[in-house]
């Protein structure tokens, strides 16, 4: 699983828990397995972490102490929508006179890419 796939999996976990909750936040207990990824996504602006006031309100709502909670930002929602509906490359061999190439990033790591797909995998 690539770094991008793990990030999308964490975003989907937040979105699912957020939808199930009546208050619109995904809570610490439900997200424990992906906590570090959720915090990393917050640093990238894809999730928002609850501040002290929000955590106090959530604690009152839940009847227990909520240590942290997260929800998707507009950018996080956009990323999930794009991932779900992005154009897929045509399957099968390349057309006449074309050849399939594999791009490698820094350090020789494989990157997805090709014509019209500049910067993919970054």
Protein backbone atom coordinates (compact mmCIF):
# COMPACT_ATOMS: atom_id res chain seq x y z
CA UNK A 1 0.00 0.00 0.00
CA UNK A 2 1.42 3.35 -1.02
CA UNK A 3 1.68 6.42 1.20
CA UNK A 4 -1.20 8.00 -0.74
CA UNK A 5 -3.36 4.89 -0.26
CA UNK A 6 -2.75 4.94 3.51
CA UNK A 7 -3.65 8.63 3.65
CA UNK A 8 -6.88 8.01 1.72
CA UNK A 9 -7.72 5.07 4.00
CA UNK A 10 -7.32 7.34 7.04
CA UNK A 11 -9.45 10.06 5.40
CA UNK A 12 -12.15 7.50 4.65
CA UNK A 13 -12.06 6.31 8.28
CA UNK A 14 -12.54 9.89 9.51
CA UNK A 15 -15.35 10.49 7.00
CA UNK A 16 -17.15 7.26 7.98
CA UNK A 17 -16.93 7.97 11.73
CA UNK A 18 -17.92 11.58 11.14
CA UNK A 19 -21.05 10.49 9.22
CA UNK A 20 -22.04 8.02 11.95
CA UNK A 21 -21.71 10.58 14.74
CA UNK A 22 -24.59 12.91 15.50
CA UNK A 23 -22.22 15.79 16.19
CA UNK A 24 -20.11 15.55 13.01
CA UNK A 25 -16.77 14.70 14.63
CA UNK A 26 -14.81 11.46 14.48
CA UNK A 27 -13.73 10.69 18.03
CA UNK A 28 -10.50 9.43 19.57
CA UNK A 29 -11.79 5.99 20.57
CA UNK A 30 -13.01 5.15 17.06
CA UNK A 31 -9.87 6.40 15.34
CA UNK A 32 -7.21 5.00 17.66
CA UNK A 33 -5.70 2.67 14.98
CA UNK A 34 -5.07 5.60 12.60
CA UNK A 35 -4.33 8.36 15.14
CA UNK A 36 -0.89 9.30 13.82
CA UNK A 37 -2.11 9.35 10.22
CA UNK A 38 -5.03 11.61 11.20
CA UNK A 39 -2.60 14.01 12.92
CA UNK A 40 -0.36 13.97 9.84
CA UNK A 41 -3.39 14.74 7.66
CA UNK A 42 -4.20 17.68 9.93
CA UNK A 43 -0.68 19.02 9.36
CA UNK A 44 -1.40 18.81 5.61
CA UNK A 45 -4.74 20.63 5.99
CA UNK A 46 -6.90 17.61 5.12
CA UNK A 47 -8.41 17.13 8.58
CA UNK A 48 -9.21 19.53 11.39
CA UNK A 49 -8.52 18.63 15.00
CA UNK A 50 -10.99 19.73 17.67
CA UNK A 51 -9.78 22.61 19.82
CA UNK A 52 -10.25 22.78 23.60
CA UNK A 53 -13.76 24.25 23.41
CA UNK A 54 -14.91 21.67 20.85
CA UNK A 55 -13.45 18.83 22.94
CA UNK A 56 -15.29 20.15 26.03
CA UNK A 57 -18.58 20.22 24.12
CA UNK A 58 -17.93 16.75 22.70
CA UNK A 59 -17.08 15.44 26.17
CA UNK A 60 -20.41 16.74 27.47
CA UNK A 61 -22.22 15.21 24.47
CA UNK A 62 -20.48 11.84 24.89
CA UNK A 63 -20.56 11.75 28.70
CA UNK A 64 -16.83 10.98 28.84
CA UNK A 65 -13.56 12.82 28.30
CA UNK A 66 -12.77 13.23 24.62
CA UNK A 67 -9.00 13.60 24.24
CA UNK A 68 -9.04 14.42 20.55
CA UNK A 69 -11.45 14.44 17.64
CA UNK A 70 -11.13 15.14 13.94
CA UNK A 71 -13.24 15.97 10.93
CA UNK A 72 -12.47 16.44 7.27
CA UNK A 73 -11.70 19.89 5.92
CA UNK A 74 -13.03 21.02 2.56
CA UNK A 75 -9.72 19.90 1.02
CA UNK A 76 -10.09 16.46 2.63
CA UNK A 77 -13.59 16.11 1.17
CA UNK A 78 -12.32 17.22 -2.24
CA UNK A 79 -9.50 14.68 -2.18
CA UNK A 80 -11.90 11.83 -1.41
CA UNK A 81 -14.29 12.92 -4.16
CA UNK A 82 -11.50 13.25 -6.69
CA UNK A 83 -10.08 9.86 -5.71
CA UNK A 84 -13.51 8.27 -6.20
CA UNK A 85 -14.32 9.92 -9.54
CA UNK A 86 -10.94 10.61 -11.14
CA UNK A 87 -10.47 9.52 -14.74
CA UNK A 88 -8.98 6.08 -15.05
CA UNK A 89 -6.38 5.27 -17.68
CA UNK A 90 -7.52 3.00 -20.45
CA UNK A 91 -6.67 -0.63 -19.82
CA UNK A 92 -4.79 -2.65 -22.38
CA UNK A 93 -1.71 -2.23 -24.47
CA UNK A 94 -0.68 1.17 -25.84
CA UNK A 95 -1.79 2.10 -29.33
CA UNK A 96 0.28 1.72 -32.50
CA UNK A 97 3.58 3.59 -32.33
CA UNK A 98 3.34 4.07 -28.54
CA UNK A 99 5.07 2.26 -25.73
CA UNK A 100 4.30 2.04 -22.04
CA UNK A 101 6.92 3.59 -19.77
CA UNK A 102 7.41 3.48 -16.04
CA UNK A 103 8.60 6.64 -14.33
CA UNK A 104 10.94 6.57 -11.37
CA UNK A 105 11.13 9.28 -8.77
CA UNK A 106 14.10 10.38 -6.68
CA UNK A 107 16.05 7.45 -5.31
CA UNK A 108 14.70 5.11 -7.98
CA UNK A 109 11.23 4.78 -6.46
CA UNK A 110 8.48 3.97 -8.89
CA UNK A 111 5.97 6.68 -9.69
CA UNK A 112 2.75 6.39 -11.55
CA UNK A 113 2.82 8.61 -14.55
CA UNK A 114 2.62 8.95 -18.26
CA UNK A 115 1.36 11.37 -20.87
CA UNK A 116 -0.94 13.94 -19.31
CA UNK A 117 -0.19 12.69 -15.81
CA UNK A 118 2.61 15.03 -14.74
CA UNK A 119 3.48 15.06 -11.09
CA UNK A 120 1.50 11.94 -10.23
CA UNK A 121 2.67 10.10 -7.18
CA UNK A 122 4.13 13.13 -5.41
